[in-house]
Protein backbone atom coordinates (compact mmCIF):
# COMPACT_ATOMS: atom_id res chain seq x y z
CA MET A 1 -0.07 -0.02 0.01
CA LYS A 2 1.31 3.50 -0.86
CA LYS A 3 0.76 6.39 1.40
CA ILE A 4 0.29 10.04 0.12
CA LEU A 5 -0.62 13.38 1.76
CA LEU A 6 -3.22 15.73 0.45
CA LEU A 7 -3.76 19.34 1.19
CA GLY A 8 -7.28 20.59 0.98
CA ALA A 9 -6.75 23.28 -1.82
CA LEU A 10 -7.60 23.63 -5.44
CA PHE A 11 -4.01 23.68 -6.71
CA ALA A 12 -1.76 20.86 -7.81
CA VAL A 13 0.98 19.47 -5.97
CA ASN A 14 3.68 16.64 -6.70
CA LEU A 15 2.82 14.43 -3.68
CA TRP A 16 4.65 11.02 -4.00
CA ALA A 17 6.92 9.21 -6.42
CA VAL A 18 8.53 5.80 -6.30
CA ASN A 19 10.51 4.07 -9.34
CA ASP A 20 7.19 2.36 -10.40
CA ILE A 21 4.51 4.70 -9.66
CA GLU A 22 4.26 8.51 -9.38
CA VAL A 23 1.45 10.33 -8.11
CA LYS A 24 1.09 14.16 -9.14
CA ASN A 25 -1.44 17.22 -9.30
CA ALA A 26 -3.40 15.81 -6.47
CA PHE A 27 -6.03 17.72 -4.78
CA VAL A 28 -9.01 17.21 -2.55
CA LYS A 29 -12.22 19.30 -3.31
CA GLN A 30 -13.15 21.76 -0.67
CA THR A 31 -16.64 21.37 0.96
CA PRO A 32 -19.19 23.69 2.44
CA PRO A 33 -19.76 23.26 6.60
CA HIS A 34 -22.29 20.41 6.48
CA ALA A 35 -21.27 18.33 3.36
CA GLN A 36 -21.06 14.71 3.54
CA ASN A 37 -18.93 14.01 0.41
CA SER A 38 -16.08 15.14 -1.30
CA ALA A 39 -13.70 13.90 -4.26
CA ILE A 40 -9.81 13.25 -4.67
CA PHE A 41 -8.58 14.20 -8.12
CA LEU A 42 -4.84 13.14 -9.14
CA THR A 43 -2.81 11.77 -12.03
CA ILE A 44 -1.14 8.33 -11.43
CA PHE A 45 1.89 7.57 -13.62
CA ASN A 46 2.76 4.16 -14.26
CA ASN A 47 6.64 3.54 -15.05
CA THR A 48 6.58 -0.27 -15.21
CA ASN A 49 6.49 -2.42 -18.04
CA LYS A 50 2.94 -4.04 -17.10
CA ASP A 51 -0.44 -2.39 -16.57
CA ILE A 52 -1.26 -2.01 -13.14
CA ALA A 53 -4.73 -1.30 -11.35
CA LEU A 54 -5.61 1.10 -8.66
CA ILE A 55 -7.89 -1.31 -6.43
CA SER A 56 -8.70 0.89 -3.47
CA ALA A 57 -8.20 3.92 -1.46
CA LYS A 58 -8.63 4.70 2.11
CA SER A 59 -8.51 7.99 3.67
CA ASP A 60 -8.20 9.07 7.31
CA ILE A 61 -11.00 11.99 6.90
CA SER A 62 -13.94 9.98 5.56
CA GLU A 63 -15.66 6.79 6.83
CA VAL A 64 -15.70 5.11 3.20
CA SER A 65 -13.35 5.81 0.26
CA GLU A 66 -14.55 4.20 -3.31
CA LEU A 67 -13.21 4.45 -6.56
CA HIS A 68 -15.86 5.97 -9.07
CA THR A 69 -16.19 6.80 -12.57
CA HIS A 70 -19.32 8.66 -14.49
CA ILE A 71 -21.47 7.17 -16.83
CA HIS A 72 -24.42 7.96 -19.18
CA LYS A 73 -27.59 6.30 -18.28
CA ASP A 74 -30.84 7.51 -19.64
CA GLY A 75 -29.98 10.79 -20.75
CA LYS A 76 -28.24 11.32 -17.25
CA MET A 77 -24.59 11.49 -16.50
CA MET A 78 -24.33 9.69 -12.98
CA MET A 79 -21.63 8.44 -10.98
CA GLN A 80 -20.89 4.49 -10.65
CA LYS A 81 -18.47 2.66 -8.15
CA ILE A 82 -16.13 0.64 -9.88
CA PRO A 83 -13.59 -2.17 -8.69
CA GLU A 84 -10.44 -0.73 -10.14
CA ILE A 85 -8.73 1.82 -12.23
CA ILE A 86 -6.17 0.50 -14.97
CA ILE A 87 -3.17 2.48 -15.73
CA LYS A 88 -1.59 1.28 -18.73
CA ALA A 89 2.39 0.39 -18.98
CA HIS A 90 4.56 3.38 -19.46
CA SER A 91 1.53 5.67 -19.59
CA SER A 92 -0.91 7.84 -17.12
CA THR A 93 -4.38 7.83 -16.00
CA GLU A 94 -5.99 11.13 -14.65
CA LEU A 95 -8.54 11.34 -12.06
CA LYS A 96 -10.73 14.31 -13.02
CA SER A 97 -13.97 15.72 -12.46
CA GLY A 98 -16.41 14.07 -14.85
CA GLY A 99 -14.25 11.06 -15.16
CA TYR A 100 -12.27 8.68 -12.67
CA HIS A 101 -11.96 9.59 -9.12
CA ILE A 102 -11.79 8.80 -5.77
CA MET A 103 -14.99 9.52 -3.82
CA LEU A 104 -14.88 10.28 -0.03
CA LEU A 105 -18.07 9.26 1.63
CA LYS A 106 -19.46 10.18 5.27
CA LEU A 107 -16.62 12.85 5.96
CA LYS A 108 -15.77 13.21 9.45
CA LYS A 109 -15.21 16.98 9.15
CA PRO A 110 -15.42 19.58 6.50
CA ILE A 111 -12.40 19.88 4.08
CA ILE A 112 -11.15 23.72 3.98
CA LYS A 113 -8.09 24.95 2.73
CA ASP A 114 -4.87 23.48 4.06
CA THR A 115 -6.88 20.41 5.44
CA LYS A 116 -4.27 17.59 5.52
CA VAL A 117 -5.58 14.23 4.35
CA ASN A 118 -3.82 11.01 4.58
CA LEU A 119 -4.60 8.68 1.56
CA ASP A 120 -3.57 5.12 1.30
CA LEU A 121 -3.47 3.61 -2.35
CA LYS A 122 -3.54 0.10 -3.08
CA PHE A 123 -2.25 -1.18 -6.45
CA ASN A 124 -2.62 -4.94 -7.50
CA ASN A 125 1.12 -4.92 -8.08
């Protein structure tokens, strides 16, 4: 499991890197005072010769963290929980608004500017 630290701000930071995987441009969406959910966006770089998959994420600021994507169903765009996010060999995958993201559910407190968020990312490799 890989650990990274996010700051609750709408700017990009280079957070964490090892030889095989790099996580860049990560941020967590700030929330209004009584919001129950938020999302984390980032870019994962796979520097290996094999495809890898992000299979889970866990945060200290929410009771539940899920991998999500957006789908079109019945003419509407909806979020859907997914089991994994594939990062192709020698490529990157961007988790962004309207696409893949890490959903934080049942927040323990509001996310304001400079809120620190610990995030554990689990990959299949």
